[in-house]
Structures are given as structure tokens and as C-alpha cells.
C-alpha atoms as a PDB file:
ATOM      1  CA  MET A   1     -67.292 -60.754 -41.877  1.00  0.00           C
ATOM      2  CA  LYS A   2     -67.770 -60.609 -38.575  1.00  0.00           C
ATOM      3  CA  THR A   3     -67.553 -57.222 -37.253  1.00  0.00           C
ATOM      4  CA  GLY A   4     -66.482 -58.407 -33.323  1.00  0.00           C
ATOM      5  CA  ASN A   5     -67.404 -55.371 -31.131  1.00  0.00           C
ATOM      6  CA  GLU A   6     -65.860 -52.510 -33.348  1.00  0.00           C
ATOM      7  CA  PRO A   7     -69.524 -51.380 -33.773  1.00  0.00           C
ATOM      8  CA  LEU A   8     -69.755 -51.157 -30.058  1.00  0.00           C
ATOM      9  CA  TRP A   9     -66.864 -49.209 -29.471  1.00  0.00           C
ATOM     10  CA  LEU A  10     -67.121 -47.314 -32.446  1.00  0.00           C
ATOM     11  CA  MET A  11     -71.068 -46.125 -30.653  1.00  0.00           C
ATOM     12  CA  ILE A  12     -69.126 -45.907 -26.929  1.00  0.00           C
ATOM     13  CA  THR A  13     -66.453 -43.411 -28.435  1.00  0.00           C
ATOM     14  CA  GLY A  14     -68.814 -41.564 -30.421  1.00  0.00           C
ATOM     15  CA  SER A  15     -70.901 -41.080 -27.701  1.00  0.00           C
ATOM     16  CA  ILE A  16     -67.445 -39.704 -25.131  1.00  0.00           C
ATOM     17  CA  LEU A  17     -67.233 -37.379 -28.317  1.00  0.00           C
ATOM     18  CA  LEU A  18     -70.898 -36.110 -28.835  1.00  0.00           C
ATOM     19  CA  ALA A  19     -70.708 -35.180 -25.079  1.00  0.00           C
ATOM     20  CA  LEU A  20     -67.615 -33.639 -25.436  1.00  0.00           C
ATOM     21  CA  THR A  21     -69.084 -31.026 -28.172  1.00  0.00           C
ATOM     22  CA  ALA A  22     -72.133 -30.111 -26.077  1.00  0.00           C
ATOM     23  CA  ILE A  23     -69.629 -28.583 -23.833  1.00  0.00           C
ATOM     24  CA  HIS A  24     -70.033 -24.787 -23.746  1.00  0.00           C
ATOM     25  CA  PRO A  25     -70.825 -25.193 -27.853  1.00  0.00           C
ATOM     26  CA  HIS A  26     -70.809 -21.607 -29.847  1.00  0.00           C
ATOM     27  CA  ASP A  27     -74.307 -22.506 -28.963  1.00  0.00           C
ATOM     28  CA  TYR A  28     -76.351 -24.866 -27.560  1.00  0.00           C
ATOM     29  CA  THR A  29     -79.694 -24.428 -31.032  1.00  0.00           C
ATOM     30  CA  THR A  30     -76.989 -25.000 -33.582  1.00  0.00           C
ATOM     31  CA  TRP A  31     -75.374 -27.766 -31.579  1.00  0.00           C
ATOM     32  CA  TRP A  32     -78.498 -29.690 -31.444  1.00  0.00           C
ATOM     33  CA  MET A  33     -79.533 -28.461 -35.235  1.00  0.00           C
ATOM     34  CA  GLU A  34     -76.487 -29.802 -36.416  1.00  0.00           C
ATOM     35  CA  THR A  35     -76.346 -33.016 -34.546  1.00  0.00           C
ATOM     36  CA  ALA A  36     -79.723 -33.799 -35.012  1.00  0.00           C
ATOM     37  CA  PRO A  37     -78.764 -36.160 -38.089  1.00  0.00           C
ATOM     38  CA  ILE A  38     -76.484 -38.486 -35.219  1.00  0.00           C
ATOM     39  CA  PHE A  39     -79.967 -39.315 -32.978  1.00  0.00           C
ATOM     40  CA  ILE A  40     -82.327 -39.932 -35.812  1.00  0.00           C
ATOM     41  CA  ALA A  41     -79.552 -42.497 -37.104  1.00  0.00           C
ATOM     42  CA  VAL A  42     -77.841 -43.795 -34.453  1.00  0.00           C
ATOM     43  CA  PRO A  43     -81.215 -45.638 -32.961  1.00  0.00           C
ATOM     44  CA  VAL A  44     -81.968 -46.863 -36.095  1.00  0.00           C
ATOM     45  CA  PHE A  45     -78.528 -48.560 -36.608  1.00  0.00           C
ATOM     46  CA  VAL A  46     -78.325 -50.578 -33.119  1.00  0.00           C
ATOM     47  CA  ALA A  47     -82.480 -51.359 -33.637  1.00  0.00           C
ATOM     48  CA  THR A  48     -81.196 -53.003 -36.479  1.00  0.00           C
ATOM     49  CA  TYR A  49     -77.838 -54.053 -36.052  1.00  0.00           C
ATOM     50  CA  LYS A  50     -78.786 -57.790 -35.326  1.00  0.00           C
ATOM     51  CA  SER A  51     -81.003 -58.438 -38.138  1.00  0.00           C
ATOM     52  CA  TYR A  52     -79.307 -56.257 -41.161  1.00  0.00           C
ATOM     53  CA  THR A  53     -75.249 -56.229 -40.001  1.00  0.00           C
ATOM     54  CA  LEU A  54     -73.523 -53.457 -42.144  1.00  0.00           C
ATOM     55  CA  THR A  55     -69.968 -53.906 -43.565  1.00  0.00           C
ATOM     56  CA  PRO A  56     -67.521 -52.652 -40.725  1.00  0.00           C
ATOM     57  CA  LEU A  57     -66.575 -50.424 -43.969  1.00  0.00           C
ATOM     58  CA  VAL A  58     -69.922 -48.787 -43.684  1.00  0.00           C
ATOM     59  CA  TYR A  59     -70.173 -48.508 -39.746  1.00  0.00           C
ATOM     60  CA  ARG A  60     -66.416 -46.649 -39.794  1.00  0.00           C
ATOM     61  CA  LEU A  61     -67.500 -44.131 -42.394  1.00  0.00           C
ATOM     62  CA  LEU A  62     -70.906 -43.404 -40.616  1.00  0.00           C
ATOM     63  CA  PHE A  63     -68.862 -42.771 -37.240  1.00  0.00           C
ATOM     64  CA  VAL A  64     -65.841 -40.202 -39.524  1.00  0.00           C
ATOM     65  CA  HIS A  65     -69.211 -38.539 -40.503  1.00  0.00           C
ATOM     66  CA  ALA A  66     -70.984 -38.268 -36.822  1.00  0.00           C
ATOM     67  CA  ILE A  67     -67.455 -36.785 -36.141  1.00  0.00           C
ATOM     68  CA  ILE A  68     -67.560 -34.125 -38.753  1.00  0.00           C
ATOM     69  CA  LEU A  69     -70.783 -33.212 -37.798  1.00  0.00           C
ATOM     70  CA  MET A  70     -70.093 -32.950 -33.953  1.00  0.00           C
ATOM     71  CA  VAL A  71     -67.098 -30.553 -34.726  1.00  0.00           C
ATOM     72  CA  GLY A  72     -69.753 -28.255 -36.759  1.00  0.00           C
ATOM     73  CA  GLY A  73     -72.083 -28.540 -34.122  1.00  0.00           C
ATOM     74  CA  HIS A  74     -70.063 -27.491 -31.420  1.00  0.00           C
ATOM     75  CA  TYR A  75     -68.192 -24.532 -33.357  1.00  0.00           C
ATOM     76  CA  THR A  76     -70.596 -24.136 -36.207  1.00  0.00           C
ATOM     77  CA  TYR A  77     -69.301 -24.720 -39.486  1.00  0.00           C
ATOM     78  CA  ALA A  78     -68.259 -20.979 -40.324  1.00  0.00           C
ATOM     79  CA  GLU A  79     -66.212 -20.868 -37.527  1.00  0.00           C
ATOM     80  CA  VAL A  80     -64.004 -24.556 -37.478  1.00  0.00           C
ATOM     81  CA  PRO A  81     -60.587 -23.839 -36.940  1.00  0.00           C
ATOM     82  CA  LEU A  82     -59.727 -26.346 -39.068  1.00  0.00           C
ATOM     83  CA  GLY A  83     -61.593 -24.289 -42.113  1.00  0.00           C
ATOM     84  CA  TYR A  84     -59.446 -21.068 -41.229  1.00  0.00           C
ATOM     85  CA  TRP A  85     -56.149 -23.490 -41.284  1.00  0.00           C
ATOM     86  CA  MET A  86     -57.317 -23.774 -44.433  1.00  0.00           C
ATOM     87  CA  GLU A  87     -58.357 -20.333 -45.364  1.00  0.00           C
ATOM     88  CA  ASN A  88     -54.887 -19.604 -44.827  1.00  0.00           C
ATOM     89  CA  TRP A  89     -52.929 -22.653 -46.146  1.00  0.00           C
ATOM     90  CA  PHE A  90     -54.858 -22.369 -49.449  1.00  0.00           C
ATOM     91  CA  GLY A  91     -56.063 -19.129 -50.063  1.00  0.00           C
ATOM     92  CA  PHE A  92     -59.580 -19.311 -49.422  1.00  0.00           C
ATOM     93  CA  VAL A  93     -61.919 -16.448 -49.250  1.00  0.00           C
ATOM     94  CA  ARG A  94     -63.572 -17.895 -46.198  1.00  0.00           C
ATOM     95  CA  ASN A  95     -64.119 -21.161 -44.007  1.00  0.00           C
ATOM     96  CA  ASP A  96     -64.648 -24.047 -45.794  1.00  0.00           C
ATOM     97  CA  TYR A  97     -65.150 -26.477 -43.369  1.00  0.00           C
ATOM     98  CA  ASP A  98     -68.574 -26.704 -44.463  1.00  0.00           C
ATOM     99  CA  LYS A  99     -67.638 -28.324 -47.889  1.00  0.00           C
ATOM    100  CA  ILE A 100     -66.195 -31.130 -46.195  1.00  0.00           C
ATOM    101  CA  GLY A 101     -69.357 -31.250 -44.355  1.00  0.00           C
ATOM    102  CA  HIS A 102     -71.043 -31.608 -47.693  1.00  0.00           C
ATOM    103  CA  PHE A 103     -68.485 -33.735 -49.517  1.00  0.00           C
ATOM    104  CA  ALA A 104     -68.734 -36.117 -46.494  1.00  0.00           C
ATOM    105  CA  GLN A 105     -72.746 -35.919 -47.320  1.00  0.00           C
ATOM    106  CA  GLY A 106     -72.143 -37.509 -50.293  1.00  0.00           C
ATOM    107  CA  PHE A 107     -69.312 -40.024 -49.364  1.00  0.00           C
ATOM    108  CA  VAL A 108     -70.812 -41.711 -46.510  1.00  0.00           C
ATOM    109  CA  PRO A 109     -74.459 -42.462 -47.817  1.00  0.00           C
ATOM    110  CA  ALA A 110     -73.340 -43.419 -51.209  1.00  0.00           C
ATOM    111  CA  LEU A 111     -71.609 -46.178 -49.425  1.00  0.00           C
ATOM    112  CA  LEU A 112     -74.706 -46.728 -47.501  1.00  0.00           C
ATOM    113  CA  PHE A 113     -77.001 -46.784 -50.404  1.00  0.00           C
ATOM    114  CA  ARG A 114     -75.462 -48.798 -52.805  1.00  0.00           C
ATOM    115  CA  GLU A 115     -74.944 -51.867 -49.666  1.00  0.00           C
ATOM    116  CA  LEU A 116     -78.699 -51.169 -49.054  1.00  0.00           C
ATOM    117  CA  LEU A 117     -79.522 -51.985 -53.147  1.00  0.00           C
ATOM    118  CA  LEU A 118     -77.273 -54.497 -53.385  1.00  0.00           C
ATOM    119  CA  ARG A 119     -78.022 -56.718 -50.301  1.00  0.00           C
ATOM    120  CA  SER A 120     -82.205 -55.528 -50.925  1.00  0.00           C
ATOM    121  CA  SER A 121     -82.912 -54.758 -54.443  1.00  0.00           C
ATOM    122  CA  PRO A 122     -82.522 -56.895 -57.579  1.00  0.00           C
ATOM    123  CA  LEU A 123     -79.918 -54.245 -58.533  1.00  0.00           C
ATOM    124  CA  GLN A 124     -76.682 -55.426 -59.962  1.00  0.00           C
ATOM    125  CA  ARG A 125     -73.073 -53.685 -59.994  1.00  0.00           C
ATOM    126  CA  GLY A 126     -73.154 -51.190 -63.250  1.00  0.00           C
ATOM    127  CA  LYS A 127     -74.528 -47.867 -64.626  1.00  0.00           C
ATOM    128  CA  LEU A 128     -77.840 -48.356 -63.207  1.00  0.00           C
ATOM    129  CA  LEU A 129     -76.206 -48.921 -59.705  1.00  0.00           C
ATOM    130  CA  PHE A 130     -74.056 -46.151 -59.816  1.00  0.00           C
ATOM    131  CA  THR A 131     -76.260 -43.642 -60.985  1.00  0.00           C
ATOM    132  CA  LEU A 132     -79.308 -44.818 -58.822  1.00  0.00           C
ATOM    133  CA  VAL A 133     -76.778 -44.330 -55.776  1.00  0.00           C
ATOM    134  CA  THR A 134     -75.406 -40.752 -56.949  1.00  0.00           C
ATOM    135  CA  ALA A 135     -79.141 -39.754 -57.414  1.00  0.00           C
ATOM    136  CA  CYS A 136     -80.082 -40.716 -53.937  1.00  0.00           C
ATOM    137  CA  CYS A 137     -77.179 -39.046 -52.400  1.00  0.00           C
ATOM    138  CA  LEU A 138     -78.624 -35.754 -54.299  1.00  0.00           C
ATOM    139  CA  ALA A 139     -81.612 -36.147 -52.989  1.00  0.00           C
ATOM    140  CA  VAL A 140     -80.527 -36.550 -49.563  1.00  0.00           C
ATOM    141  CA  SER A 141     -78.213 -33.178 -50.538  1.00  0.00           C
ATOM    142  CA  ALA A 142     -81.472 -31.107 -51.694  1.00  0.00           C
ATOM    143  CA  SER A 143     -83.726 -32.551 -48.724  1.00  0.00           C
ATOM    144  CA  TYR A 144     -80.914 -31.005 -46.459  1.00  0.00           C
ATOM    145  CA  GLU A 145     -81.010 -27.708 -48.034  1.00  0.00           C
ATOM    146  CA  LEU A 146     -84.647 -27.174 -48.022  1.00  0.00           C
ATOM    147  CA  ILE A 147     -84.430 -28.068 -44.312  1.00  0.00           C
ATOM    148  CA  GLU A 148     -81.730 -25.247 -43.484  1.00  0.00           C
ATOM    149  CA  TRP A 149     -84.570 -22.748 -46.189  1.00  0.00           C
ATOM    150  CA  VAL A 150     -86.853 -23.926 -43.579  1.00  0.00           C
ATOM    151  CA  ALA A 151     -84.775 -22.843 -40.707  1.00  0.00           C
ATOM    152  CA  ALA A 152     -83.960 -19.758 -42.593  1.00  0.00           C
ATOM    153  CA  ILE A 153     -87.685 -18.870 -42.533  1.00  0.00           C
ATOM    154  CA  THR A 154     -88.780 -19.621 -39.313  1.00  0.00           C
ATOM    155  CA  MET A 155     -86.144 -18.565 -37.321  1.00  0.00           C
ATOM    156  CA  GLY A 156     -84.509 -15.460 -39.112  1.00  0.00           C
ATOM    157  CA  GLN A 157     -81.114 -14.219 -38.192  1.00  0.00           C
ATOM    158  CA  GLY A 158     -81.002 -16.879 -35.270  1.00  0.00           C
ATOM    159  CA  ALA A 159     -80.342 -19.236 -38.002  1.00  0.00           C
ATOM    160  CA  ASP A 160     -77.380 -17.765 -39.534  1.00  0.00           C
ATOM    161  CA  ALA A 161     -74.704 -20.270 -37.655  1.00  0.00           C
ATOM    162  CA  PHE A 162     -76.809 -23.425 -38.846  1.00  0.00           C
ATOM    163  CA  LEU A 163     -77.069 -21.959 -42.519  1.00  0.00           C
ATOM    164  CA  GLY A 164     -72.920 -21.021 -42.399  1.00  0.00           C
ATOM    165  CA  THR A 165     -73.675 -18.998 -46.098  1.00  0.00           C
ATOM    166  CA  GLN A 166     -70.918 -16.805 -44.944  1.00  0.00           C
ATOM    167  CA  GLY A 167     -72.556 -14.472 -47.406  1.00  0.00           C
ATOM    168  CA  ASP A 168     -71.554 -17.228 -50.428  1.00  0.00           C
ATOM    169  CA  PRO A 169     -74.750 -16.353 -53.200  1.00  0.00           C
ATOM    170  CA  TRP A 170     -73.971 -19.636 -54.770  1.00  0.00           C
ATOM    171  CA  ASP A 171     -73.527 -21.864 -50.928  1.00  0.00           C
ATOM    172  CA  THR A 172     -76.456 -23.769 -51.843  1.00  0.00           C
ATOM    173  CA  GLN A 173     -75.169 -24.700 -54.992  1.00  0.00           C
ATOM    174  CA  THR A 174     -71.677 -25.722 -54.249  1.00  0.00           C
ATOM    175  CA  ASP A 175     -72.460 -27.505 -51.496  1.00  0.00           C
ATOM    176  CA  MET A 176     -74.564 -29.954 -53.660  1.00  0.00           C
ATOM    177  CA  LEU A 177     -71.901 -30.078 -55.836  1.00  0.00           C
ATOM    178  CA  MET A 178     -69.758 -31.275 -53.200  1.00  0.00           C
ATOM    179  CA  ALA A 179     -72.309 -33.921 -51.928  1.00  0.00           C
ATOM    180  CA  LEU A 180     -72.146 -34.822 -55.549  1.00  0.00           C
ATOM    181  CA  ILE A 181     -68.261 -35.367 -56.121  1.00  0.00           C
ATOM    182  CA  GLY A 182     -67.982 -37.418 -52.662  1.00  0.00           C
ATOM    183  CA  ALA A 183     -70.780 -39.552 -54.027  1.00  0.00           C
ATOM    184  CA  VAL A 184     -69.056 -40.229 -57.151  1.00  0.00           C
ATOM    185  CA  CYS A 185     -65.595 -40.639 -55.007  1.00  0.00           C
ATOM    186  CA  ALA A 186     -66.754 -42.714 -52.854  1.00  0.00           C
ATOM    187  CA  GLN A 187     -68.249 -45.176 -55.422  1.00  0.00           C
ATOM    188  CA  VAL A 188     -65.070 -44.952 -57.528  1.00  0.00           C
ATOM    189  CA  VAL A 189     -62.330 -45.639 -54.832  1.00  0.00           C
ATOM    190  CA  LEU A 190     -64.380 -47.908 -52.240  1.00  0.00           C
ATOM    191  CA  ALA A 191     -66.685 -50.116 -54.549  1.00  0.00           C
ATOM    192  CA  LYS A 192     -64.038 -52.785 -54.585  1.00  0.00           C
ATOM    193  CA  VAL A 193     -63.537 -52.725 -50.677  1.00  0.00           C
ATOM    194  CA  GLN A 194     -67.070 -52.982 -50.029  1.00  0.00           C
ATOM    195  CA  ASP A 195     -67.568 -55.668 -52.627  1.00  0.00           C
ATOM    196  CA  ARG A 196     -65.095 -57.630 -50.576  1.00  0.00           C
ATOM    197  CA  GLN A 197     -66.765 -57.230 -47.393  1.00  0.00           C
ATOM    198  CA  LEU A 198     -70.274 -58.083 -48.604  1.00  0.00           C
ATOM    199  CA  ARG A 199     -69.119 -61.204 -50.519  1.00  0.00           C
ATOM    200  CA  THR A 200     -67.779 -61.966 -46.747  1.00  0.00           C
ATOM    201  CA  VAL A 201     -71.011 -60.841 -45.158  1.00  0.00           C
ATOM    202  CA  ARG A 202     -73.199 -62.888 -47.774  1.00  0.00           C
ATOM    203  CA  ALA A 203     -70.930 -66.236 -46.795  1.00  0.00           C
ATOM    204  CA  GLU A 204     -71.539 -65.900 -43.458  1.00  0.00           C
ATOM    205  CA  LEU A 205     -75.446 -65.900 -43.754  1.00  0.00           C
ATOM    206  CA  VAL A 206     -74.804 -69.053 -45.790  1.00  0.00           C
ATOM    207  CA  GLU A 207     -73.190 -70.308 -42.774  1.00  0.00           C
ATOM    208  CA  ALA A 208     -75.329 -69.411 -40.005  1.00  0.00           C
END
């Protein structure tokens, strides 16, 4: 499946949005910490684009995930306006924008891991693949919670905006639960779409 210039335009658009969110954020330390995954992942995807082009579905989801991170970095997750609107609409007791972020933390990596495993390992579609993809997403979520723990220890109250717990003693557990739900939903809802795109990618590789 030829992606054309779409990944380039996604990167350009994302770069512009990233620059905009860097203008007068809540604080620059939090902005850097929340957007750090973008600065790590994008160079990797750019460097491997020609040799390992991903499906359009994955690139689009990565773009959406990046936007979620940018918005959280600009406002801090506890202060995002959308979270306050959700709080008013649904009667939540706190700003739950961070739960959107953690849902995406499972949803988007699930399709990325699934594609990497199907293309680069002997694994076939089925229960084992589903289980391993889900486990990988939970591992990512757990690793992020460990990073937050280290930030809390090293920065003290300076890490409050990054942690975004809002006094919830079960924040870590519910964050990981949202990632789990996201990983399962992604595979249930989009696996067939991804499979169709992967068949096209394989056909193009054979032709090349």
C-alpha cells in the first residue's frame, strides 16, 4: 500500500502543532517530559521509513497519539479543558483527560506491536498473537508508571504536574487498566483493517 506523501504531511503537521503547544505551556519541564516520546519515536520512524514502511493505519494512529501527548504537555493532564468538559458532562469527580492518554497508550502501540510481530516474526494471527500484543502494551504502560515513580522520587513536588494523580490513590492501577482496555479494543476493532493493509504491503514488496 503506497502511502505517498501522507506520512510526510503528518510529520509536518505534527511538527507545527508541537511548536504551537510549546508556546507558553503550563511549564516547560512538564511539556518536555510529556512530549519526550515524540522526540524519541519520530526520528526512529523517519530513519526506518524507506526500509520498513508501516501501514497508513499505524502512521495515522501515531499522529493522533502524538496530539494527545502534545495537549497533555501544554496544559498538563490535570488541566486540559476537554477533561473539565468531560467532568461537567458526565459528573466525573476529577479531570480524566489522562485516562484518554492511557487508553491511547494501549490502543496505538497494540496496532504497532501487532504489525511488527506479523511482519518480523513467525507468529500468525490468533490467540497467542492477541495475548502477546496485549502483554507488550501492558509492559509499556507499566514502564511508564515506573518512569513516573522515578520522577516523583527525584523531583518531589516538581513532578506533580507530570504525574497528574489529582490525589487518586488508585491512579496507577486505573491508568494500566485503561491501557489494557485500549489494547484489547484496538485489536478487536481494527485488526481486519490492518490485515487488509498488510496484504497490500506484502503484495507491493513482492512486486518490488
